[in-house]
C-alpha atoms as a PDB file:
ATOM      1  CA  MET A   1      80.761 114.232  62.923  1.00  0.00           C
ATOM      2  CA  ARG A   2      79.575 114.720  66.485  1.00  0.00           C
ATOM      3  CA  SER A   3      77.623 111.458  66.485  1.00  0.00           C
ATOM      4  CA  SER A   4      80.616 109.433  65.240  1.00  0.00           C
ATOM      5  CA  ARG A   5      82.806 111.013  67.933  1.00  0.00           C
ATOM      6  CA  SER A   6      80.314 110.217  70.684  1.00  0.00           C
ATOM      7  CA  LYS A   7      80.086 106.633  69.440  1.00  0.00           C
ATOM      8  CA  SER A   8      83.868 106.249  69.612  1.00  0.00           C
ATOM      9  CA  ILE A   9      83.946 107.660  73.133  1.00  0.00           C
ATOM     10  CA  SER A  10      81.152 105.355  74.310  1.00  0.00           C
ATOM     11  CA  TRP A  11      82.858 102.379  72.616  1.00  0.00           C
ATOM     12  CA  PHE A  12      86.108 103.123  74.456  1.00  0.00           C
ATOM     13  CA  SER A  13      84.518 103.896  77.828  1.00  0.00           C
ATOM     14  CA  ARG A  14      82.594 100.633  77.969  1.00  0.00           C
ATOM     15  CA  TRP A  15      85.842  98.747  78.548  1.00  0.00           C
ATOM     16  CA  THR A  16      86.677 100.425  81.837  1.00  0.00           C
ATOM     17  CA  LEU A  17      84.987 102.628  84.405  1.00  0.00           C
ATOM     18  CA  THR A  18      88.149 104.000  86.028  1.00  0.00           C
ATOM     19  CA  PRO A  19      90.466 106.504  84.293  1.00  0.00           C
ATOM     20  CA  THR A  20      93.709 104.937  83.108  1.00  0.00           C
ATOM     21  CA  LEU A  21      96.037 107.505  84.648  1.00  0.00           C
ATOM     22  CA  MET A  22      94.190 107.985  87.955  1.00  0.00           C
ATOM     23  CA  ARG A  23      96.189 107.152  91.080  1.00  0.00           C
ATOM     24  CA  GLU A  24      94.205 104.489  92.920  1.00  0.00           C
ATOM     25  CA  ASP A  25      94.110 104.391  96.692  1.00  0.00           C
ATOM     26  CA  PRO A  26      95.269 100.878  97.776  1.00  0.00           C
ATOM     27  CA  ILE A  27      92.909 100.905 100.767  1.00  0.00           C
ATOM     28  CA  ALA A  28      89.970 101.833  98.530  1.00  0.00           C
ATOM     29  CA  VAL A  29      90.813  99.028  96.071  1.00  0.00           C
ATOM     30  CA  ARG A  30      91.064  96.558  98.952  1.00  0.00           C
ATOM     31  CA  HIS A  31      87.733  97.699 100.354  1.00  0.00           C
ATOM     32  CA  SER A  32      86.080  97.343  96.939  1.00  0.00           C
ATOM     33  CA  LEU A  33      87.480  93.819  96.607  1.00  0.00           C
ATOM     34  CA  LEU A  34      86.143  92.847 100.040  1.00  0.00           C
ATOM     35  CA  ARG A  35      82.695  94.187  99.189  1.00  0.00           C
ATOM     36  CA  LEU A  36      82.761  92.231  95.925  1.00  0.00           C
ATOM     37  CA  LEU A  37      83.766  89.002  97.689  1.00  0.00           C
ATOM     38  CA  ALA A  38      81.116  89.548 100.363  1.00  0.00           C
ATOM     39  CA  VAL A  39      78.371  89.964  97.753  1.00  0.00           C
ATOM     40  CA  ALA A  40      79.614  86.954  95.790  1.00  0.00           C
ATOM     41  CA  ASP A  41      79.675  84.779  98.908  1.00  0.00           C
ATOM     42  CA  ARG A  42      76.253  85.992 100.102  1.00  0.00           C
ATOM     43  CA  HIS A  43      74.505  85.405  96.780  1.00  0.00           C
ATOM     44  CA  SER A  44      76.562  82.397  95.592  1.00  0.00           C
ATOM     45  CA  LEU A  45      77.804  84.213  92.496  1.00  0.00           C
ATOM     46  CA  ASP A  46      80.545  83.115  90.097  1.00  0.00           C
ATOM     47  CA  VAL A  47      83.551  84.448  92.015  1.00  0.00           C
ATOM     48  CA  HIS A  48      86.013  83.778  89.198  1.00  0.00           C
ATOM     49  CA  ARG A  49      84.024  85.811  86.670  1.00  0.00           C
ATOM     50  CA  ALA A  50      83.434  88.612  89.180  1.00  0.00           C
ATOM     51  CA  LEU A  51      87.177  88.828  89.974  1.00  0.00           C
ATOM     52  CA  GLU A  52      88.054  88.735  86.295  1.00  0.00           C
ATOM     53  CA  LEU A  53      85.813  91.713  85.553  1.00  0.00           C
ATOM     54  CA  PHE A  54      86.989  93.531  88.669  1.00  0.00           C
ATOM     55  CA  SER A  55      90.671  93.118  87.729  1.00  0.00           C
ATOM     56  CA  GLN A  56      90.026  94.720  84.339  1.00  0.00           C
ATOM     57  CA  GLU A  57      88.857  97.878  86.113  1.00  0.00           C
ATOM     58  CA  HIS A  58      92.326  98.439  87.601  1.00  0.00           C
ATOM     59  CA  TRP A  59      95.873  98.669  86.333  1.00  0.00           C
ATOM     60  CA  GLY A  60      99.499  98.412  87.450  1.00  0.00           C
ATOM     61  CA  LEU A  61     100.284  96.659  90.705  1.00  0.00           C
ATOM     62  CA  HIS A  62      96.593  96.338  91.619  1.00  0.00           C
ATOM     63  CA  ARG A  63      95.799  94.405  88.437  1.00  0.00           C
ATOM     64  CA  TRP A  64      98.902  92.239  88.906  1.00  0.00           C
ATOM     65  CA  ARG A  65      97.760  91.262  92.427  1.00  0.00           C
ATOM     66  CA  LEU A  66      94.202  90.588  91.297  1.00  0.00           C
ATOM     67  CA  GLU A  67      95.414  88.436  88.418  1.00  0.00           C
ATOM     68  CA  GLY A  68      97.537  86.506  90.916  1.00  0.00           C
ATOM     69  CA  LEU A  69      94.402  85.952  92.999  1.00  0.00           C
ATOM     70  CA  LEU A  70      92.582  84.731  89.883  1.00  0.00           C
ATOM     71  CA  LEU A  71      95.400  82.306  89.087  1.00  0.00           C
ATOM     72  CA  SER A  72      95.332  80.951  92.641  1.00  0.00           C
ATOM     73  CA  LEU A  73      91.559  80.570  92.421  1.00  0.00           C
ATOM     74  CA  LYS A  74      91.999  78.334  89.364  1.00  0.00           C
ATOM     75  CA  LYS A  75      94.577  76.196  91.173  1.00  0.00           C
ATOM     76  CA  GLU A  76      93.102  76.071  94.684  1.00  0.00           C
ATOM     77  CA  LYS A  77      89.459  75.763  93.575  1.00  0.00           C
ATOM     78  CA  THR A  78      88.128  77.491  96.714  1.00  0.00           C
ATOM     79  CA  LEU A  79      88.035  81.197  97.503  1.00  0.00           C
ATOM     80  CA  MET A  80      89.443  80.830 101.027  1.00  0.00           C
ATOM     81  CA  GLU A  81      92.502  78.917  99.821  1.00  0.00           C
ATOM     82  CA  ALA A  82      93.075  81.443  97.040  1.00  0.00           C
ATOM     83  CA  ILE A  83      92.912  84.375  99.488  1.00  0.00           C
ATOM     84  CA  ALA A  84      95.284  82.560 101.856  1.00  0.00           C
ATOM     85  CA  THR A  85      97.749  82.208  98.973  1.00  0.00           C
ATOM     86  CA  ASN A  86      97.496  85.941  98.186  1.00  0.00           C
ATOM     87  CA  PRO A  87      96.987  87.669 101.562  1.00  0.00           C
ATOM     88  CA  SER A  88      98.277  91.012 100.255  1.00  0.00           C
ATOM     89  CA  CYS A  89      95.074  91.428  98.220  1.00  0.00           C
ATOM     90  CA  VAL A  90      92.927  91.777 101.338  1.00  0.00           C
ATOM     91  CA  GLY A  91      95.438  92.530 104.107  1.00  0.00           C
ATOM     92  CA  GLU A  92      96.472  90.815 107.314  1.00  0.00           C
ATOM     93  CA  GLN A  93      93.502  91.931 109.420  1.00  0.00           C
ATOM     94  CA  ALA A  94      90.929  90.981 106.789  1.00  0.00           C
ATOM     95  CA  MET A  95      92.596  87.598 106.316  1.00  0.00           C
ATOM     96  CA  LEU A  96      92.360  86.968 110.064  1.00  0.00           C
ATOM     97  CA  ALA A  97      88.680  87.979 110.071  1.00  0.00           C
ATOM     98  CA  ILE A  98      87.887  85.552 107.235  1.00  0.00           C
ATOM     99  CA  ARG A  99      89.754  82.722 108.939  1.00  0.00           C
ATOM    100  CA  LEU A 100      88.068  83.415 112.283  1.00  0.00           C
ATOM    101  CA  GLY A 101      84.641  83.607 110.650  1.00  0.00           C
ATOM    102  CA  THR A 102      85.249  80.278 108.913  1.00  0.00           C
ATOM    103  CA  ALA A 103      86.488  78.636 112.124  1.00  0.00           C
ATOM    104  CA  THR A 104      83.642  79.893 114.347  1.00  0.00           C
ATOM    105  CA  GLY A 105      80.821  79.768 111.787  1.00  0.00           C
ATOM    106  CA  THR A 106      80.417  83.548 111.701  1.00  0.00           C
ATOM    107  CA  LEU A 107      81.629  84.170 108.140  1.00  0.00           C
ATOM    108  CA  PRO A 108      78.555  86.249 107.109  1.00  0.00           C
ATOM    109  CA  ALA A 109      79.163  88.496 110.113  1.00  0.00           C
ATOM    110  CA  ALA A 110      82.852  88.676 109.178  1.00  0.00           C
ATOM    111  CA  TRP A 111      82.025  89.867 105.650  1.00  0.00           C
ATOM    112  CA  LYS A 112      79.644  92.475 107.054  1.00  0.00           C
ATOM    113  CA  GLU A 113      82.230  93.648 109.558  1.00  0.00           C
ATOM    114  CA  LEU A 114      84.925  93.943 106.900  1.00  0.00           C
ATOM    115  CA  THR A 115      82.776  96.075 104.608  1.00  0.00           C
ATOM    116  CA  LEU A 116      82.471  98.578 107.475  1.00  0.00           C
ATOM    117  CA  TRP A 117      85.891  98.126 109.045  1.00  0.00           C
ATOM    118  CA  GLU A 118      88.177  98.296 105.993  1.00  0.00           C
ATOM    119  CA  ARG A 119      86.557 101.452 104.643  1.00  0.00           C
ATOM    120  CA  PRO A 120      89.256 104.100 104.001  1.00  0.00           C
ATOM    121  CA  ILE A 121      89.308 107.299 106.015  1.00  0.00           C
ATOM    122  CA  HIS A 122      89.411 110.343 103.723  1.00  0.00           C
ATOM    123  CA  THR A 123      90.182 113.836 104.979  1.00  0.00           C
ATOM    124  CA  GLU A 124      91.307 116.988 103.223  1.00  0.00           C
ATOM    125  CA  ALA A 125      94.601 116.846 105.122  1.00  0.00           C
ATOM    126  CA  ALA A 126      95.269 113.326 103.835  1.00  0.00           C
ATOM    127  CA  LYS A 127      94.571 114.440 100.253  1.00  0.00           C
ATOM    128  CA  LEU A 128      96.876 117.416 100.734  1.00  0.00           C
ATOM    129  CA  TRP A 129      99.700 115.185 101.982  1.00  0.00           C
ATOM    130  CA  ARG A 130      99.318 112.782  99.041  1.00  0.00           C
ATOM    131  CA  SER A 131      99.481 115.758  96.652  1.00  0.00           C
ATOM    132  CA  SER A 132     102.506 117.226  98.415  1.00  0.00           C
ATOM    133  CA  LYS A 133     104.424 113.961  97.981  1.00  0.00           C
ATOM    134  CA  THR A 134     104.123 114.353  94.221  1.00  0.00           C
ATOM    135  CA  TYR A 135     105.121 117.993  94.508  1.00  0.00           C
ATOM    136  CA  TRP A 136     108.242 117.300  96.564  1.00  0.00           C
ATOM    137  CA  SER A 137     109.242 114.438  94.282  1.00  0.00           C
ATOM    138  CA  THR A 138     109.081 116.827  91.331  1.00  0.00           C
ATOM    139  CA  VAL A 139     111.068 119.463  93.237  1.00  0.00           C
ATOM    140  CA  ALA A 140     113.706 116.871  94.135  1.00  0.00           C
ATOM    141  CA  LEU A 141     114.033 115.849  90.482  1.00  0.00           C
ATOM    142  CA  VAL A 142     114.443 119.485  89.400  1.00  0.00           C
ATOM    143  CA  MET A 143     117.049 120.082  92.115  1.00  0.00           C
ATOM    144  CA  ILE A 144     119.019 117.026  91.012  1.00  0.00           C
ATOM    145  CA  VAL A 145     119.122 118.438  87.480  1.00  0.00           C
ATOM    146  CA  VAL A 146     120.121 121.940  88.673  1.00  0.00           C
ATOM    147  CA  SER A 147     122.798 120.671  91.060  1.00  0.00           C
ATOM    148  CA  SER A 148     124.197 118.368  88.375  1.00  0.00           C
ATOM    149  CA  PHE A 149     124.421 121.354  85.991  1.00  0.00           C
ATOM    150  CA  PHE A 150     126.224 123.370  88.672  1.00  0.00           C
ATOM    151  CA  ALA A 151     128.692 120.596  89.480  1.00  0.00           C
ATOM    152  CA  TRP A 152     129.472 119.668  85.847  1.00  0.00           C
ATOM    153  CA  SER A 153     129.330 123.088  84.193  1.00  0.00           C
ATOM    154  CA  LEU A 154     129.396 126.150  86.449  1.00  0.00           C
ATOM    155  CA  ALA A 155     132.015 125.084  89.003  1.00  0.00           C
ATOM    156  CA  PRO A 156     134.685 124.198  86.358  1.00  0.00           C
ATOM    157  CA  GLN A 157     133.936 127.505  84.582  1.00  0.00           C
ATOM    158  CA  PHE A 158     134.571 129.453  87.770  1.00  0.00           C
ATOM    159  CA  ARG A 159     137.925 127.721  88.278  1.00  0.00           C
ATOM    160  CA  SER A 160     138.862 128.382  84.673  1.00  0.00           C
ATOM    161  CA  VAL A 161     138.061 132.097  85.016  1.00  0.00           C
ATOM    162  CA  VAL A 162     140.178 132.312  88.183  1.00  0.00           C
ATOM    163  CA  ARG A 163     143.145 130.699  86.388  1.00  0.00           C
ATOM    164  CA  ASP A 164     142.766 132.848  83.263  1.00  0.00           C
ATOM    165  CA  PHE A 165     142.692 136.121  85.153  1.00  0.00           C
ATOM    166  CA  GLU A 166     145.459 135.026  87.555  1.00  0.00           C
ATOM    167  CA  LEU A 167     143.664 136.359  90.565  1.00  0.00           C
ATOM    168  CA  ASP A 168     146.324 135.889  93.227  1.00  0.00           C
ATOM    169  CA  ASN A 169     144.296 137.589  95.952  1.00  0.00           C
ATOM    170  CA  TYR A 170     141.259 135.436  95.231  1.00  0.00           C
ATOM    171  CA  VAL A 171     140.519 133.265  98.257  1.00  0.00           C
ATOM    172  CA  ALA A 172     137.382 131.232  97.748  1.00  0.00           C
ATOM    173  CA  SER A 173     135.469 129.886 100.696  1.00  0.00           C
ATOM    174  CA  PHE A 174     135.531 126.186 101.521  1.00  0.00           C
ATOM    175  CA  LEU A 175     131.883 125.849 100.462  1.00  0.00           C
ATOM    176  CA  ALA A 176     132.559 127.442  97.072  1.00  0.00           C
ATOM    177  CA  GLN A 177     135.566 125.189  96.517  1.00  0.00           C
ATOM    178  CA  GLU A 178     134.074 121.929  97.679  1.00  0.00           C
ATOM    179  CA  LEU A 179     130.348 122.216  96.890  1.00  0.00           C
ATOM    180  CA  ASP A 180     130.686 120.568  93.488  1.00  0.00           C
ATOM    181  CA  ARG A 181     132.559 117.651  95.049  1.00  0.00           C
ATOM    182  CA  ILE A 182     129.844 117.365  97.710  1.00  0.00           C
ATOM    183  CA  ILE A 183     127.202 117.316  94.972  1.00  0.00           C
ATOM    184  CA  PHE A 184     129.112 114.622  93.074  1.00  0.00           C
ATOM    185  CA  GLY A 185     129.264 112.555  96.261  1.00  0.00           C
ATOM    186  CA  LEU A 186     125.533 112.943  96.883  1.00  0.00           C
ATOM    187  CA  LEU A 187     124.663 112.019  93.293  1.00  0.00           C
ATOM    188  CA  ALA A 188     126.944 108.987  93.459  1.00  0.00           C
ATOM    189  CA  GLY A 189     125.320 107.878  96.707  1.00  0.00           C
ATOM    190  CA  LEU A 190     121.784 108.400  95.417  1.00  0.00           C
ATOM    191  CA  PRO A 191     121.497 104.982  93.665  1.00  0.00           C
ATOM    192  CA  LEU A 192     122.820 103.293  96.808  1.00  0.00           C
ATOM    193  CA  PHE A 193     120.267 105.150  98.927  1.00  0.00           C
ATOM    194  CA  VAL A 194     117.437 104.120  96.583  1.00  0.00           C
ATOM    195  CA  ALA A 195     118.607 100.478  96.664  1.00  0.00           C
ATOM    196  CA  LEU A 196     118.783 100.505 100.475  1.00  0.00           C
ATOM    197  CA  TRP A 197     115.341 102.139 100.667  1.00  0.00           C
ATOM    198  CA  ILE A 198     113.823  99.450  98.431  1.00  0.00           C
ATOM    199  CA  ALA A 199     115.561  96.676 100.398  1.00  0.00           C
ATOM    200  CA  TRP A 200     114.349  98.180 103.708  1.00  0.00           C
ATOM    201  CA  HIS A 201     110.730  98.341 102.557  1.00  0.00           C
ATOM    202  CA  ALA A 202     110.885  94.828 101.104  1.00  0.00           C
ATOM    203  CA  ALA A 203     112.334  93.483 104.371  1.00  0.00           C
ATOM    204  CA  THR A 204     109.828  95.273 106.605  1.00  0.00           C
ATOM    205  CA  ARG A 205     106.898  93.990 104.512  1.00  0.00           C
ATOM    206  CA  HIS A 206     107.935  90.352 104.937  1.00  0.00           C
ATOM    207  CA  PRO A 207     105.800  88.777 107.703  1.00  0.00           C
ATOM    208  CA  LYS A 208     108.725  86.928 109.355  1.00  0.00           C
ATOM    209  CA  SER A 209     111.339  89.670 109.096  1.00  0.00           C
ATOM    210  CA  TRP A 210     112.925  90.879 112.337  1.00  0.00           C
ATOM    211  CA  LEU A 211     113.003  94.382 110.812  1.00  0.00           C
ATOM    212  CA  ARG A 212     109.222  94.278 110.552  1.00  0.00           C
ATOM    213  CA  PHE A 213     109.014  93.482 114.257  1.00  0.00           C
ATOM    214  CA  PHE A 214     111.539  96.238 115.019  1.00  0.00           C
ATOM    215  CA  THR A 215     109.672  98.935 113.070  1.00  0.00           C
ATOM    216  CA  ALA A 216     106.137  97.813 113.962  1.00  0.00           C
ATOM    217  CA  ARG A 217     105.989  99.888 117.135  1.00  0.00           C
ATOM    218  CA  GLY A 218     107.128 103.090 115.449  1.00  0.00           C
ATOM    219  CA  ARG A 219     104.565 102.725 112.655  1.00  0.00           C
ATOM    220  CA  GLY A 220     101.716 101.917 115.026  1.00  0.00           C
ATOM    221  CA  GLU A 221     101.167  98.386 113.672  1.00  0.00           C
ATOM    222  CA  ARG A 222     100.729  96.906 117.142  1.00  0.00           C
ATOM    223  CA  ALA A 223      97.985  99.383 117.933  1.00  0.00           C
ATOM    224  CA  VAL A 224      96.327  98.564 114.592  1.00  0.00           C
ATOM    225  CA  ARG A 225      96.445  94.838 115.372  1.00  0.00           C
ATOM    226  CA  GLU A 226      95.006  95.411 118.842  1.00  0.00           C
ATOM    227  CA  ALA A 227      92.153  97.479 117.394  1.00  0.00           C
ATOM    228  CA  GLY A 228      91.520  94.751 114.822  1.00  0.00           C
ATOM    229  CA  PHE A 229      91.457  92.158 117.578  1.00  0.00           C
ATOM    230  CA  TRP A 230      88.843  94.189 119.477  1.00  0.00           C
ATOM    231  CA  ARG A 231      86.669  94.441 116.352  1.00  0.00           C
ATOM    232  CA  LEU A 232      86.794  90.690 115.771  1.00  0.00           C
ATOM    233  CA  LEU A 233      86.063  89.991 119.419  1.00  0.00           C
ATOM    234  CA  ALA A 234      83.081  92.342 119.240  1.00  0.00           C
ATOM    235  CA  MET A 235      81.888  90.680 116.031  1.00  0.00           C
ATOM    236  CA  ASN A 236      81.856  87.230 117.636  1.00  0.00           C
ATOM    237  CA  LEU A 237      80.286  88.494 120.850  1.00  0.00           C
ATOM    238  CA  ALA A 238      77.421  90.012 118.855  1.00  0.00           C
ATOM    239  CA  SER A 239      77.071  86.698 116.972  1.00  0.00           C
ATOM    240  CA  GLY A 240      76.787  84.646 120.156  1.00  0.00           C
ATOM    241  CA  VAL A 241      80.372  83.324 120.308  1.00  0.00           C
ATOM    242  CA  SER A 242      81.995  83.626 123.719  1.00  0.00           C
ATOM    243  CA  ALA A 243      85.102  85.737 124.276  1.00  0.00           C
ATOM    244  CA  LYS A 244      86.973  82.660 125.508  1.00  0.00           C
ATOM    245  CA  SER A 245      86.349  80.756 122.277  1.00  0.00           C
ATOM    246  CA  SER A 246      87.304  83.758 120.138  1.00  0.00           C
ATOM    247  CA  ILE A 247      90.566  84.284 122.013  1.00  0.00           C
ATOM    248  CA  GLU A 248      91.487  80.605 121.679  1.00  0.00           C
ATOM    249  CA  HIS A 249      90.822  80.605 117.934  1.00  0.00           C
ATOM    250  CA  MET A 250      92.737  83.820 117.303  1.00  0.00           C
ATOM    251  CA  ALA A 251      95.672  82.531 119.364  1.00  0.00           C
ATOM    252  CA  SER A 252      96.119  79.824 116.723  1.00  0.00           C
ATOM    253  CA  LEU A 253      95.092  81.820 113.632  1.00  0.00           C
ATOM    254  CA  HIS A 254      96.918  85.130 114.050  1.00  0.00           C
ATOM    255  CA  GLU A 255      99.916  85.600 111.746  1.00  0.00           C
ATOM    256  CA  ASP A 256     101.833  87.987 113.995  1.00  0.00           C
ATOM    257  CA  ALA A 257     104.086  86.096 116.432  1.00  0.00           C
ATOM    258  CA  ARG A 258     103.817  88.708 119.196  1.00  0.00           C
ATOM    259  CA  MET A 259     100.024  88.785 119.023  1.00  0.00           C
ATOM    260  CA  ARG A 260      99.905  84.966 119.089  1.00  0.00           C
ATOM    261  CA  GLN A 261     102.074  85.009 122.189  1.00  0.00           C
ATOM    262  CA  GLN A 262      99.873  87.575 123.934  1.00  0.00           C
ATOM    263  CA  LEU A 263      96.682  85.735 122.965  1.00  0.00           C
ATOM    264  CA  THR A 264      98.165  82.460 124.188  1.00  0.00           C
ATOM    265  CA  ILE A 265      98.947  84.092 127.551  1.00  0.00           C
ATOM    266  CA  ALA A 266      95.370  85.342 127.761  1.00  0.00           C
ATOM    267  CA  SER A 267      93.973  81.932 126.797  1.00  0.00           C
ATOM    268  CA  GLU A 268      96.076  80.174 129.451  1.00  0.00           C
ATOM    269  CA  SER A 269      94.985  82.716 132.040  1.00  0.00           C
ATOM    270  CA  ILE A 270      91.324  82.071 131.163  1.00  0.00           C
ATOM    271  CA  SER A 271      91.840  78.296 131.445  1.00  0.00           C
ATOM    272  CA  LYS A 272      93.113  78.864 134.994  1.00  0.00           C
ATOM    273  CA  GLY A 273      89.770  80.410 135.930  1.00  0.00           C
ATOM    274  CA  ASN A 274      90.497  84.113 135.490  1.00  0.00           C
ATOM    275  CA  ASP A 275      88.057  86.580 133.955  1.00  0.00           C
ATOM    276  CA  GLU A 276      88.353  87.018 130.159  1.00  0.00           C
ATOM    277  CA  TRP A 277      88.818  90.771 130.336  1.00  0.00           C
ATOM    278  CA  GLN A 278      91.312  90.628 133.175  1.00  0.00           C
ATOM    279  CA  SER A 279      93.222  87.974 131.239  1.00  0.00           C
ATOM    280  CA  LEU A 280      93.475  90.385 128.315  1.00  0.00           C
ATOM    281  CA  VAL A 281      94.792  93.032 130.714  1.00  0.00           C
ATOM    282  CA  ASN A 282      97.417  90.552 131.950  1.00  0.00           C
ATOM    283  CA  ALA A 283      98.404  89.901 128.326  1.00  0.00           C
ATOM    284  CA  LYS A 284      98.680  93.687 127.716  1.00  0.00           C
ATOM    285  CA  LEU A 285      95.883  93.638 125.136  1.00  0.00           C
ATOM    286  CA  LEU A 286      93.599  95.864 127.227  1.00  0.00           C
ATOM    287  CA  HIS A 287      94.141  98.786 129.555  1.00  0.00           C
ATOM    288  CA  PRO A 288      92.603  98.432 133.052  1.00  0.00           C
ATOM    289  CA  ILE A 289      90.333 101.428 132.334  1.00  0.00           C
ATOM    290  CA  GLU A 290      89.156  99.769 129.107  1.00  0.00           C
ATOM    291  CA  ARG A 291      88.607  96.534 131.006  1.00  0.00           C
ATOM    292  CA  ASP A 292      86.407  98.336 133.548  1.00  0.00           C
ATOM    293  CA  ALA A 293      84.320  99.879 130.750  1.00  0.00           C
ATOM    294  CA  ILE A 294      83.720  96.478 129.125  1.00  0.00           C
ATOM    295  CA  ALA A 295      83.114  94.563 132.348  1.00  0.00           C
ATOM    296  CA  ALA A 296      80.589  97.119 133.639  1.00  0.00           C
ATOM    297  CA  THR A 297      77.832  94.956 132.104  1.00  0.00           C
ATOM    298  CA  ASN A 298      77.333  91.265 131.380  1.00  0.00           C
ATOM    299  CA  ASN A 299      75.308  91.921 128.230  1.00  0.00           C
ATOM    300  CA  PRO A 300      77.359  90.624 125.238  1.00  0.00           C
ATOM    301  CA  GLU A 301      75.778  93.129 122.843  1.00  0.00           C
ATOM    302  CA  VAL A 302      76.729  96.069 125.058  1.00  0.00           C
ATOM    303  CA  GLN A 303      80.223  94.644 125.477  1.00  0.00           C
ATOM    304  CA  ALA A 304      80.501  94.290 121.685  1.00  0.00           C
ATOM    305  CA  TRP A 305      79.366  97.901 121.248  1.00  0.00           C
ATOM    306  CA  THR A 306      81.998  99.075 123.753  1.00  0.00           C
ATOM    307  CA  LEU A 307      84.746  97.103 122.032  1.00  0.00           C
ATOM    308  CA  ARG A 308      83.798  98.536 118.641  1.00  0.00           C
ATOM    309  CA  HIS A 309      83.940 102.094 119.931  1.00  0.00           C
ATOM    310  CA  LEU A 310      87.266 101.474 121.641  1.00  0.00           C
ATOM    311  CA  ALA A 311      88.633 100.153 118.343  1.00  0.00           C
ATOM    312  CA  LEU A 312      87.201 103.136 116.446  1.00  0.00           C
ATOM    313  CA  ARG A 313      88.784 105.565 118.883  1.00  0.00           C
ATOM    314  CA  ARG A 314      92.142 103.795 118.537  1.00  0.00           C
ATOM    315  CA  ARG A 315      91.917 103.906 114.738  1.00  0.00           C
ATOM    316  CA  GLU A 316      91.045 107.607 114.681  1.00  0.00           C
ATOM    317  CA  ASN A 317      93.873 108.431 117.092  1.00  0.00           C
ATOM    318  CA  LEU A 318      96.375 106.594 114.904  1.00  0.00           C
ATOM    319  CA  HIS A 319      95.062 108.320 111.784  1.00  0.00           C
ATOM    320  CA  PHE A 320      95.291 111.843 113.185  1.00  0.00           C
ATOM    321  CA  ASP A 321      98.678 111.124 114.801  1.00  0.00           C
ATOM    322  CA  ALA A 322      99.934 110.232 111.326  1.00  0.00           C
ATOM    323  CA  LEU A 323      98.485 113.459 109.936  1.00  0.00           C
ATOM    324  CA  ARG A 324     100.253 115.473 112.644  1.00  0.00           C
ATOM    325  CA  ARG A 325     103.561 113.774 111.815  1.00  0.00           C
ATOM    326  CA  ASN A 326     103.069 114.598 108.146  1.00  0.00           C
ATOM    327  CA  MET A 327     102.330 118.221 109.021  1.00  0.00           C
ATOM    328  CA  TRP A 328     105.720 118.421 110.763  1.00  0.00           C
ATOM    329  CA  ILE A 329     107.526 116.624 107.957  1.00  0.00           C
ATOM    330  CA  GLN A 330     106.535 119.194 105.344  1.00  0.00           C
ATOM    331  CA  PRO A 331     108.301 122.228 106.924  1.00  0.00           C
ATOM    332  CA  ILE A 332     111.353 120.050 107.645  1.00  0.00           C
ATOM    333  CA  ILE A 333     111.558 119.058 103.971  1.00  0.00           C
ATOM    334  CA  THR A 334     111.103 122.713 103.004  1.00  0.00           C
ATOM    335  CA  LEU A 335     114.025 123.726 105.233  1.00  0.00           C
ATOM    336  CA  LEU A 336     116.247 120.971 103.796  1.00  0.00           C
ATOM    337  CA  PHE A 337     115.570 121.985 100.206  1.00  0.00           C
ATOM    338  CA  GLY A 338     115.910 125.661 101.118  1.00  0.00           C
ATOM    339  CA  SER A 339     119.294 125.009 102.772  1.00  0.00           C
ATOM    340  CA  PHE A 340     120.536 123.285  99.634  1.00  0.00           C
ATOM    341  CA  VAL A 341     119.416 126.189  97.424  1.00  0.00           C
ATOM    342  CA  LEU A 342     121.027 128.638  99.856  1.00  0.00           C
ATOM    343  CA  ALA A 343     124.333 126.709  99.700  1.00  0.00           C
ATOM    344  CA  ILE A 344     124.418 126.843  95.886  1.00  0.00           C
ATOM    345  CA  ALA A 345     123.456 130.533  95.841  1.00  0.00           C
ATOM    346  CA  TYR A 346     126.126 131.354  98.436  1.00  0.00           C
ATOM    347  CA  ALA A 347     128.796 129.466  96.499  1.00  0.00           C
ATOM    348  CA  VAL A 348     127.932 131.232  93.235  1.00  0.00           C
ATOM    349  CA  PHE A 349     127.539 134.776  94.553  1.00  0.00           C
ATOM    350  CA  SER A 350     130.459 134.637  96.994  1.00  0.00           C
ATOM    351  CA  THR A 351     132.705 133.451  94.172  1.00  0.00           C
ATOM    352  CA  LEU A 352     131.532 136.232  91.838  1.00  0.00           C
ATOM    353  CA  THR A 353     131.864 138.849  94.597  1.00  0.00           C
ATOM    354  CA  GLN A 354     135.407 137.830  95.497  1.00  0.00           C
ATOM    355  CA  MET A 355     136.394 137.748  91.839  1.00  0.00           C
ATOM    356  CA  ILE A 356     135.048 141.291  91.302  1.00  0.00           C
ATOM    357  CA  LEU A 357     136.806 142.589  94.410  1.00  0.00           C
ATOM    358  CA  ALA A 358     140.081 140.981  93.418  1.00  0.00           C
ATOM    359  CA  MET A 359     139.888 142.434  89.903  1.00  0.00           C
ATOM    360  CA  ALA A 360     139.015 145.859  91.332  1.00  0.00           C
ATOM    361  CA  GLU A 361     142.065 145.791  93.582  1.00  0.00           C
ATOM    362  CA  ARG A 362     144.335 144.865  90.643  1.00  0.00           C
ATOM    363  CA  TYR A 363     142.951 147.107  87.914  1.00  0.00           C
ATOM    364  CA  GLY A 364     141.166 149.760  89.915  1.00  0.00           C
END
């Protein structure tokens, strides 16, 4: 009996290595895909077969994106064209790195850089925040059910009791009278809010949307792009490609319009005879203090090392700033939910108290 059970388990587990119901980190999936593509490109492996097997290890939206990449690979015939057709599989920064590596002949260095650069940052605080999102979603669902029960069942019962007992002295508070109508209004507006939220996220994810440009600063996307630019510049410097050539290539390859404009300003400043690092300061892609740290030496390897550490510091600052924001969001959400519970409790108990007092005055 035990042997047959173990055989069935091993037969099932050979089809997939990842649990079916496990929530997969999108950054981790992207990093795994980049490592797979890097190994396939380095060793001239069958990319189509590798992607096919890799897609079977994932499910949901991740599998759908990977299958789209596989379909593009069949049509486009080359990996670079397939990735360009499906940039969401690897991300904007990784797509730029692959294009720059192809244009400057530093693709092996680009793959190596991406396997280090796109690695997800895991901290206990980040895990706690991801768990709390599930918790608050469950609490919100329970509160919707409870508030719906109050609005549809309890509030009409209270009004019926008041009419049946003819409590003339009963004067309910505005909250007790109108809370059910407020709940009905919130429940009616909930589908509209969800639709607007989906439309907002869809619009801000589109590369050419003006909403994406508007919200980029608040979400730190500009700082992320600047850090990515520093990493790519450092990669090419360490590979023997000049900063001038890298800036010119990225000015034509970058997908973000603002970054292209800034890189074009820097490229034009360099063509006029200005220093590369000062040109980046003029284009607001470097701080003067950062420029002084890079220009302190003429050794490209040391300059590349400085740029990498500047990018790492920027990435860590953005990550921990996001964690601090999430730490403030949690007590705010707690207060909002607590206020809603307090409003329902006040409406119920104030109504019952006033009813008891009114009946005591009449029959006492």
